[in-house]
N, C-alpha and C. Protein backbone atom coordinates (compact mmCIF):
# COMPACT_ATOMS: atom_id res chain seq x y z
N MET A 1 24.28 -0.09 2.26
CA MET A 1 23.06 -0.65 1.69
C MET A 1 22.08 0.48 1.42
N GLY A 2 21.50 0.54 0.23
CA GLY A 2 20.55 1.60 -0.10
C GLY A 2 19.16 1.29 0.40
N LYS A 3 18.52 2.30 0.92
CA LYS A 3 17.16 2.15 1.41
C LYS A 3 16.23 3.18 0.81
N PHE A 4 16.78 4.17 0.15
CA PHE A 4 16.02 5.32 -0.29
C PHE A 4 16.49 5.72 -1.68
N ILE A 5 15.57 5.98 -2.56
CA ILE A 5 15.95 6.37 -3.91
C ILE A 5 15.23 7.67 -4.24
N MET A 6 15.94 8.61 -4.83
CA MET A 6 15.26 9.77 -5.36
C MET A 6 15.77 9.99 -6.77
N PHE A 7 14.86 10.32 -7.67
CA PHE A 7 15.28 10.59 -9.04
C PHE A 7 14.27 11.53 -9.68
N THR A 8 14.66 12.04 -10.81
CA THR A 8 13.83 13.00 -11.51
C THR A 8 13.13 12.31 -12.66
N ILE A 9 11.82 12.47 -12.76
CA ILE A 9 11.04 11.96 -13.87
C ILE A 9 11.26 12.92 -15.04
N GLY A 10 11.53 12.41 -16.19
CA GLY A 10 11.72 13.27 -17.35
C GLY A 10 12.49 12.54 -18.42
N GLU A 11 13.20 13.27 -19.23
CA GLU A 11 13.93 12.66 -20.34
C GLU A 11 15.06 11.77 -19.85
N ALA A 12 15.68 12.13 -18.77
CA ALA A 12 16.79 11.34 -18.26
C ALA A 12 16.81 11.42 -16.74
N ILE A 13 17.32 10.39 -16.13
CA ILE A 13 17.48 10.41 -14.68
C ILE A 13 18.62 11.37 -14.38
N LYS A 14 18.35 12.39 -13.60
CA LYS A 14 19.36 13.39 -13.29
C LYS A 14 20.13 13.05 -12.02
N GLU A 15 19.49 12.38 -11.10
CA GLU A 15 20.15 12.09 -9.84
C GLU A 15 19.53 10.85 -9.23
N ILE A 16 20.37 9.98 -8.75
CA ILE A 16 19.93 8.84 -7.96
C ILE A 16 20.70 8.88 -6.67
N TYR A 17 20.02 8.73 -5.58
CA TYR A 17 20.68 8.77 -4.30
C TYR A 17 20.25 7.56 -3.49
N LEU A 18 21.19 6.80 -3.05
CA LEU A 18 20.92 5.71 -2.12
C LEU A 18 21.43 6.16 -0.77
N SER A 19 20.58 6.13 0.23
CA SER A 19 20.95 6.69 1.52
C SER A 19 22.17 5.99 2.11
N GLU A 20 22.85 6.74 2.91
CA GLU A 20 24.02 6.21 3.60
C GLU A 20 23.58 5.22 4.67
N PRO A 21 24.37 4.19 4.89
CA PRO A 21 24.04 3.26 5.98
C PRO A 21 23.91 4.03 7.28
N GLY A 22 22.95 3.65 8.08
CA GLY A 22 22.78 4.28 9.37
C GLY A 22 21.62 5.26 9.42
N ILE A 23 21.14 5.74 8.27
CA ILE A 23 19.99 6.63 8.31
C ILE A 23 18.79 5.88 8.88
N THR A 24 18.63 4.66 8.44
CA THR A 24 17.63 3.78 9.03
C THR A 24 18.35 2.50 9.38
N LYS A 25 18.64 2.30 10.64
CA LYS A 25 19.45 1.16 11.05
C LYS A 25 18.69 -0.15 10.94
N ASP A 26 17.41 -0.09 11.12
CA ASP A 26 16.59 -1.30 11.08
C ASP A 26 15.51 -1.11 10.01
N LEU A 27 15.67 -1.80 8.89
CA LEU A 27 14.73 -1.64 7.79
C LEU A 27 13.33 -2.15 8.14
N SER A 28 13.20 -2.94 9.19
CA SER A 28 11.88 -3.41 9.59
C SER A 28 11.25 -2.47 10.61
N LYS A 29 11.94 -1.40 10.95
CA LYS A 29 11.42 -0.43 11.91
C LYS A 29 10.15 0.25 11.40
N HIS A 30 10.08 0.46 10.09
CA HIS A 30 8.95 1.18 9.51
C HIS A 30 8.01 0.21 8.79
N SER A 31 6.74 0.34 9.09
CA SER A 31 5.71 -0.49 8.45
C SER A 31 5.31 0.14 7.12
N ILE A 32 4.75 -0.67 6.25
CA ILE A 32 4.21 -0.19 4.98
C ILE A 32 2.77 0.23 5.26
N THR A 33 2.62 1.48 5.69
CA THR A 33 1.32 2.02 6.09
C THR A 33 1.19 3.46 5.61
N THR A 34 -0.01 3.99 5.67
CA THR A 34 -0.21 5.40 5.32
C THR A 34 0.47 6.31 6.35
N ASN A 35 0.61 5.85 7.57
CA ASN A 35 1.31 6.64 8.59
C ASN A 35 2.78 6.82 8.20
N THR A 36 3.42 5.75 7.76
CA THR A 36 4.82 5.85 7.31
C THR A 36 4.89 6.74 6.08
N LEU A 37 3.95 6.58 5.16
CA LEU A 37 3.91 7.44 3.98
C LEU A 37 3.88 8.91 4.39
N GLY A 38 3.04 9.24 5.34
CA GLY A 38 2.92 10.62 5.79
C GLY A 38 4.14 11.14 6.52
N ASN A 39 4.97 10.24 7.01
CA ASN A 39 6.16 10.64 7.77
C ASN A 39 7.46 10.53 7.00
N LEU A 40 7.42 10.19 5.72
CA LEU A 40 8.67 10.00 4.97
C LEU A 40 9.56 11.22 4.97
N GLN A 41 8.98 12.39 4.86
CA GLN A 41 9.82 13.58 4.84
C GLN A 41 10.46 13.84 6.20
N LYS A 42 9.90 13.30 7.26
CA LYS A 42 10.53 13.37 8.59
C LYS A 42 11.59 12.28 8.72
N ILE A 43 11.32 11.11 8.14
CA ILE A 43 12.27 10.00 8.21
C ILE A 43 13.53 10.34 7.41
N PHE A 44 13.36 11.00 6.26
CA PHE A 44 14.48 11.38 5.40
C PHE A 44 14.48 12.90 5.21
N PRO A 45 14.75 13.67 6.26
CA PRO A 45 14.60 15.13 6.19
C PRO A 45 15.56 15.83 5.23
N ASN A 46 16.67 15.24 4.91
CA ASN A 46 17.65 15.88 4.03
C ASN A 46 17.34 15.71 2.55
N HIS A 47 16.24 15.05 2.23
CA HIS A 47 15.96 14.73 0.84
C HIS A 47 14.58 15.19 0.39
N VAL A 48 14.06 16.22 1.03
CA VAL A 48 12.71 16.68 0.71
C VAL A 48 12.63 17.43 -0.61
N SER A 49 13.77 17.79 -1.21
CA SER A 49 13.74 18.53 -2.47
C SER A 49 13.67 17.62 -3.70
N ALA A 50 13.68 16.33 -3.50
CA ALA A 50 13.62 15.40 -4.63
C ALA A 50 12.29 15.52 -5.36
N ASP A 51 12.31 15.28 -6.66
CA ASP A 51 11.08 15.29 -7.43
C ASP A 51 10.20 14.09 -7.07
N LEU A 52 10.82 13.00 -6.73
CA LEU A 52 10.09 11.78 -6.37
C LEU A 52 10.84 11.11 -5.23
N ILE A 53 10.13 10.79 -4.18
CA ILE A 53 10.72 10.09 -3.04
C ILE A 53 10.04 8.74 -2.94
N ALA A 54 10.84 7.70 -3.09
CA ALA A 54 10.33 6.33 -2.99
C ALA A 54 11.16 5.59 -1.94
N ALA A 55 10.52 5.20 -0.87
CA ALA A 55 11.22 4.51 0.21
C ALA A 55 10.85 3.03 0.19
N PHE A 56 11.84 2.21 0.40
CA PHE A 56 11.66 0.76 0.38
C PHE A 56 12.06 0.21 1.74
N PHE A 57 11.15 -0.52 2.36
CA PHE A 57 11.40 -1.10 3.67
C PHE A 57 11.14 -2.60 3.62
N VAL A 58 11.74 -3.32 4.56
CA VAL A 58 11.54 -4.76 4.67
C VAL A 58 10.07 -5.05 4.94
N GLY A 59 9.45 -4.21 5.75
CA GLY A 59 8.07 -4.44 6.15
C GLY A 59 8.03 -5.28 7.41
N ASN A 60 6.86 -5.33 8.00
CA ASN A 60 6.71 -6.10 9.24
C ASN A 60 5.25 -6.47 9.43
N SER A 61 4.92 -6.99 10.58
CA SER A 61 3.56 -7.48 10.81
C SER A 61 2.51 -6.36 10.85
N GLN A 62 2.94 -5.12 10.90
CA GLN A 62 2.01 -3.99 10.93
C GLN A 62 1.65 -3.49 9.53
N ASP A 63 2.26 -4.05 8.47
CA ASP A 63 1.99 -3.61 7.10
C ASP A 63 0.50 -3.70 6.78
N THR A 64 -0.01 -2.69 6.10
CA THR A 64 -1.40 -2.71 5.67
C THR A 64 -1.54 -2.90 4.17
N ALA A 65 -0.42 -2.90 3.44
CA ALA A 65 -0.38 -3.13 1.99
C ALA A 65 1.07 -3.33 1.60
N ALA A 66 1.31 -3.68 0.35
CA ALA A 66 2.68 -3.80 -0.15
C ALA A 66 3.25 -2.43 -0.53
N GLY A 67 2.38 -1.43 -0.65
CA GLY A 67 2.83 -0.09 -0.96
C GLY A 67 1.72 0.92 -0.82
N TRP A 68 2.13 2.17 -0.63
CA TRP A 68 1.20 3.30 -0.53
C TRP A 68 1.81 4.49 -1.24
N ALA A 69 0.97 5.35 -1.82
CA ALA A 69 1.45 6.56 -2.49
C ALA A 69 0.34 7.60 -2.50
N TYR A 70 0.76 8.85 -2.64
CA TYR A 70 -0.21 9.92 -2.80
C TYR A 70 -0.66 9.99 -4.25
N VAL A 71 -1.95 10.33 -4.45
CA VAL A 71 -2.56 10.42 -5.79
C VAL A 71 -3.12 11.82 -5.99
N PRO A 72 -2.56 12.66 -6.83
CA PRO A 72 -1.18 12.57 -7.33
C PRO A 72 -0.24 12.97 -6.20
N GLY A 73 1.03 12.82 -6.44
CA GLY A 73 1.99 13.17 -5.41
C GLY A 73 3.41 12.89 -5.86
N ARG A 74 4.30 12.87 -4.89
CA ARG A 74 5.70 12.62 -5.20
C ARG A 74 6.36 11.71 -4.18
N VAL A 75 5.54 11.11 -3.32
CA VAL A 75 6.07 10.29 -2.24
C VAL A 75 5.38 8.93 -2.26
N SER A 76 6.18 7.88 -2.09
CA SER A 76 5.62 6.53 -1.97
C SER A 76 6.46 5.71 -1.01
N VAL A 77 5.85 4.69 -0.47
CA VAL A 77 6.54 3.73 0.39
C VAL A 77 6.12 2.36 -0.08
N GLN A 78 7.09 1.44 -0.16
CA GLN A 78 6.78 0.09 -0.62
C GLN A 78 7.68 -0.93 0.06
N ALA A 79 7.20 -2.17 0.02
CA ALA A 79 7.92 -3.27 0.65
C ALA A 79 8.95 -3.86 -0.30
N LEU A 80 10.10 -4.19 0.24
CA LEU A 80 11.13 -4.83 -0.55
C LEU A 80 10.67 -6.20 -1.08
N TYR A 81 9.77 -6.85 -0.36
CA TYR A 81 9.30 -8.18 -0.77
C TYR A 81 8.30 -8.13 -1.93
N ALA A 82 7.93 -6.93 -2.37
CA ALA A 82 6.96 -6.79 -3.47
C ALA A 82 7.54 -5.87 -4.54
N PRO A 83 8.43 -6.37 -5.39
CA PRO A 83 9.11 -5.50 -6.36
C PRO A 83 8.17 -4.80 -7.34
N SER A 84 7.02 -5.36 -7.63
CA SER A 84 6.10 -4.69 -8.56
C SER A 84 5.34 -3.55 -7.90
N ALA A 85 5.47 -3.41 -6.59
CA ALA A 85 4.77 -2.33 -5.90
C ALA A 85 5.25 -0.96 -6.37
N PHE A 86 6.54 -0.82 -6.67
CA PHE A 86 7.06 0.49 -7.06
C PHE A 86 6.37 1.00 -8.32
N ARG A 87 6.29 0.17 -9.35
CA ARG A 87 5.66 0.63 -10.60
C ARG A 87 4.19 0.98 -10.37
N HIS A 88 3.54 0.28 -9.50
CA HIS A 88 2.14 0.55 -9.15
C HIS A 88 2.03 1.89 -8.40
N GLU A 89 2.86 2.06 -7.37
CA GLU A 89 2.77 3.26 -6.54
C GLU A 89 3.19 4.52 -7.29
N VAL A 90 4.21 4.43 -8.14
CA VAL A 90 4.61 5.60 -8.91
C VAL A 90 3.51 5.97 -9.92
N GLY A 91 2.73 5.01 -10.34
CA GLY A 91 1.56 5.30 -11.18
C GLY A 91 0.53 6.13 -10.42
N HIS A 92 0.39 5.84 -9.12
CA HIS A 92 -0.47 6.69 -8.28
C HIS A 92 0.12 8.09 -8.17
N ASN A 93 1.44 8.18 -7.97
CA ASN A 93 2.08 9.50 -7.90
C ASN A 93 1.81 10.31 -9.15
N ALA A 94 1.73 9.65 -10.29
CA ALA A 94 1.45 10.35 -11.56
C ALA A 94 -0.02 10.77 -11.66
N GLY A 95 -0.85 10.32 -10.73
CA GLY A 95 -2.25 10.71 -10.73
C GLY A 95 -3.21 9.62 -11.13
N GLY A 96 -2.71 8.40 -11.26
CA GLY A 96 -3.56 7.29 -11.69
C GLY A 96 -4.24 6.57 -10.54
N ASN A 97 -5.33 5.90 -10.89
CA ASN A 97 -6.10 5.12 -9.92
C ASN A 97 -6.21 3.68 -10.39
N HIS A 98 -6.81 2.86 -9.54
CA HIS A 98 -6.99 1.44 -9.85
C HIS A 98 -7.93 1.27 -11.04
N CYS A 99 -8.50 0.11 -11.22
CA CYS A 99 -9.39 -0.18 -12.34
C CYS A 99 -10.56 0.79 -12.39
N ASN A 100 -10.90 1.22 -13.57
CA ASN A 100 -12.02 2.13 -13.75
C ASN A 100 -13.32 1.36 -13.54
N THR A 101 -14.20 1.93 -12.74
CA THR A 101 -15.48 1.28 -12.44
C THR A 101 -16.64 2.05 -13.08
N GLY A 102 -16.39 2.59 -14.27
CA GLY A 102 -17.44 3.27 -15.00
C GLY A 102 -17.32 4.77 -15.06
N GLN A 103 -16.27 5.33 -14.50
CA GLN A 103 -16.10 6.78 -14.56
C GLN A 103 -15.61 7.21 -15.94
N ASP A 104 -16.01 8.37 -16.36
CA ASP A 104 -15.58 8.93 -17.64
C ASP A 104 -14.30 9.72 -17.42
N ASN A 105 -13.21 8.99 -17.20
CA ASN A 105 -11.92 9.58 -16.88
C ASN A 105 -10.85 8.60 -17.30
N PHE A 106 -9.80 9.07 -17.91
CA PHE A 106 -8.77 8.19 -18.47
C PHE A 106 -7.66 7.83 -17.49
N ARG A 107 -7.66 8.34 -16.30
CA ARG A 107 -6.56 8.14 -15.35
C ARG A 107 -6.70 6.85 -14.54
N PHE A 108 -6.85 5.74 -15.22
CA PHE A 108 -7.08 4.47 -14.54
C PHE A 108 -6.26 3.35 -15.17
N GLY A 109 -6.10 2.28 -14.39
CA GLY A 109 -5.58 1.05 -14.93
C GLY A 109 -6.66 0.37 -15.76
N TYR A 110 -6.32 -0.77 -16.37
CA TYR A 110 -7.26 -1.40 -17.30
C TYR A 110 -7.21 -2.91 -17.18
N ASP A 111 -8.38 -3.52 -17.26
CA ASP A 111 -8.53 -4.98 -17.31
C ASP A 111 -9.22 -5.30 -18.62
N ASN A 112 -8.47 -5.91 -19.56
CA ASN A 112 -9.07 -6.21 -20.87
C ASN A 112 -9.67 -7.61 -20.94
N GLY A 113 -9.78 -8.26 -19.80
CA GLY A 113 -10.34 -9.60 -19.75
C GLY A 113 -9.28 -10.69 -19.81
N ARG A 114 -8.09 -10.37 -20.24
CA ARG A 114 -6.96 -11.31 -20.31
C ARG A 114 -5.80 -10.85 -19.46
N ASN A 115 -5.58 -9.54 -19.43
CA ASN A 115 -4.47 -8.94 -18.69
C ASN A 115 -4.94 -7.68 -17.98
N ARG A 116 -4.28 -7.43 -16.85
CA ARG A 116 -4.57 -6.21 -16.09
C ARG A 116 -3.29 -5.39 -16.01
N THR A 117 -3.38 -4.09 -16.28
CA THR A 117 -2.20 -3.23 -16.28
C THR A 117 -1.75 -2.92 -14.84
N PHE A 118 -0.64 -2.20 -14.73
CA PHE A 118 -0.01 -1.92 -13.44
C PHE A 118 -0.99 -1.47 -12.35
N LEU A 119 -1.86 -0.55 -12.66
CA LEU A 119 -2.75 -0.02 -11.63
C LEU A 119 -4.03 -0.83 -11.44
N CYS A 120 -4.17 -1.89 -12.21
CA CYS A 120 -5.39 -2.68 -12.15
C CYS A 120 -5.08 -4.16 -11.92
N GLY A 121 -3.98 -4.43 -11.24
CA GLY A 121 -3.66 -5.81 -10.91
C GLY A 121 -2.25 -6.25 -11.19
N ASN A 122 -1.49 -5.48 -11.96
CA ASN A 122 -0.08 -5.78 -12.19
C ASN A 122 0.18 -7.07 -12.97
N ASP A 123 -0.76 -7.52 -13.81
CA ASP A 123 -0.55 -8.74 -14.60
C ASP A 123 0.36 -8.53 -15.81
N SER A 124 0.28 -7.35 -16.41
CA SER A 124 1.05 -7.10 -17.63
C SER A 124 2.11 -6.03 -17.37
N ASN A 125 3.04 -5.91 -18.27
CA ASN A 125 4.13 -4.95 -18.09
C ASN A 125 3.82 -3.60 -18.72
N PHE A 126 2.62 -3.10 -18.51
CA PHE A 126 2.22 -1.84 -19.12
C PHE A 126 1.38 -1.01 -18.16
N TYR A 127 1.46 0.30 -18.34
CA TYR A 127 0.42 1.19 -17.85
C TYR A 127 -0.65 1.14 -18.94
N SER A 128 -1.86 1.45 -18.60
CA SER A 128 -2.93 1.37 -19.59
C SER A 128 -2.69 2.33 -20.75
N THR A 129 -2.99 1.86 -21.94
CA THR A 129 -2.93 2.67 -23.16
C THR A 129 -3.65 1.93 -24.28
N PRO A 130 -4.45 2.62 -25.05
CA PRO A 130 -5.11 1.96 -26.18
C PRO A 130 -4.16 1.74 -27.36
N HIS A 131 -2.95 2.25 -27.27
CA HIS A 131 -2.00 2.18 -28.38
C HIS A 131 -1.10 0.95 -28.35
N VAL A 132 -1.28 0.09 -27.35
CA VAL A 132 -0.49 -1.14 -27.23
C VAL A 132 -1.45 -2.31 -27.08
N THR A 133 -1.13 -3.42 -27.73
CA THR A 133 -1.94 -4.63 -27.57
C THR A 133 -1.13 -5.68 -26.85
N ASP A 134 -1.83 -6.57 -26.16
CA ASP A 134 -1.16 -7.66 -25.46
C ASP A 134 -0.90 -8.82 -26.41
N SER A 135 -0.45 -9.93 -25.90
CA SER A 135 -0.11 -11.08 -26.74
C SER A 135 -1.33 -11.69 -27.42
N TYR A 136 -2.53 -11.30 -26.99
CA TYR A 136 -3.77 -11.78 -27.62
C TYR A 136 -4.28 -10.78 -28.67
N GLY A 137 -3.56 -9.68 -28.85
CA GLY A 137 -3.98 -8.65 -29.79
C GLY A 137 -5.04 -7.71 -29.26
N ILE A 138 -5.27 -7.75 -27.95
CA ILE A 138 -6.29 -6.91 -27.31
C ILE A 138 -5.61 -5.67 -26.73
N PRO A 139 -6.16 -4.47 -26.97
CA PRO A 139 -5.56 -3.25 -26.39
C PRO A 139 -5.51 -3.34 -24.86
N VAL A 140 -4.49 -2.72 -24.29
CA VAL A 140 -4.34 -2.71 -22.83
C VAL A 140 -4.83 -1.39 -22.24
N GLY A 141 -5.74 -0.74 -22.94
CA GLY A 141 -6.32 0.50 -22.45
C GLY A 141 -7.46 0.95 -23.32
N ASN A 142 -8.06 2.06 -22.91
CA ASN A 142 -9.18 2.66 -23.62
C ASN A 142 -8.97 4.17 -23.56
N ALA A 143 -9.08 4.85 -24.68
CA ALA A 143 -8.79 6.28 -24.74
C ALA A 143 -9.65 7.12 -23.79
N VAL A 144 -10.84 6.65 -23.48
CA VAL A 144 -11.75 7.42 -22.63
C VAL A 144 -11.65 7.01 -21.17
N THR A 145 -11.48 5.72 -20.89
CA THR A 145 -11.57 5.25 -19.51
C THR A 145 -10.28 4.70 -18.92
N ALA A 146 -9.23 4.52 -19.71
CA ALA A 146 -7.99 3.95 -19.17
C ALA A 146 -6.82 4.22 -20.10
N ASP A 147 -6.16 5.35 -19.89
CA ASP A 147 -5.00 5.71 -20.71
C ASP A 147 -3.95 6.38 -19.84
N MET A 148 -3.30 5.59 -19.01
CA MET A 148 -2.26 6.13 -18.13
C MET A 148 -1.05 6.63 -18.91
N ALA A 149 -0.82 6.13 -20.10
CA ALA A 149 0.28 6.66 -20.91
C ALA A 149 0.04 8.15 -21.17
N ARG A 150 -1.19 8.51 -21.47
CA ARG A 150 -1.55 9.92 -21.66
C ARG A 150 -1.33 10.69 -20.36
N GLN A 151 -1.73 10.11 -19.25
CA GLN A 151 -1.55 10.77 -17.95
C GLN A 151 -0.07 11.05 -17.68
N TRP A 152 0.79 10.10 -17.98
CA TRP A 152 2.24 10.30 -17.80
C TRP A 152 2.73 11.46 -18.64
N VAL A 153 2.30 11.52 -19.88
CA VAL A 153 2.74 12.61 -20.78
C VAL A 153 2.28 13.95 -20.22
N GLU A 154 1.04 14.02 -19.77
CA GLU A 154 0.51 15.29 -19.26
C GLU A 154 1.12 15.70 -17.93
N ARG A 155 1.47 14.75 -17.08
CA ARG A 155 2.00 15.06 -15.74
C ARG A 155 3.52 15.22 -15.70
N ALA A 156 4.24 14.73 -16.70
CA ALA A 156 5.71 14.77 -16.66
C ALA A 156 6.27 16.16 -16.37
N PRO A 157 5.79 17.21 -17.02
CA PRO A 157 6.36 18.54 -16.72
C PRO A 157 6.09 18.98 -15.28
N ILE A 158 4.97 18.58 -14.73
CA ILE A 158 4.63 18.94 -13.35
C ILE A 158 5.46 18.15 -12.36
N MET A 159 5.73 16.88 -12.69
CA MET A 159 6.44 16.00 -11.78
C MET A 159 7.94 16.26 -11.77
N SER A 160 8.48 16.87 -12.80
CA SER A 160 9.93 17.08 -12.81
C SER A 160 10.29 18.55 -12.79
């Protein structure tokens, strides 16, 4: 059973690794917390060279969120019970933040009044970008305050 995935961000996935059974015998042993996030490289010491480390755990009563990630970074932890957490947390790894609250910075999710992008509520199947419209014809981003598509393009060489 796979518990750990590592892959390279870029033009193509270069490597996918699902950990061998027994590395983590009890998937509920680790909580979805910032403490677990900080210890992932100790939990999976043989995989610290991966471009992106995303760990998925069952979660337990100690969970403080469905997922956590470094902003920017290359490590995230998320709960198996929250499949949309991965897309949200990897957006943080790319350097993105939640909904923009008035900052003059494009590294944010977006709420267009009808839909919220991955980092701003996970309602739509997009990272923020002014170049895509939702089913209402409303852009799912703003070039100045919410353009995670741009952030992905700029960070891809650094992340891989």
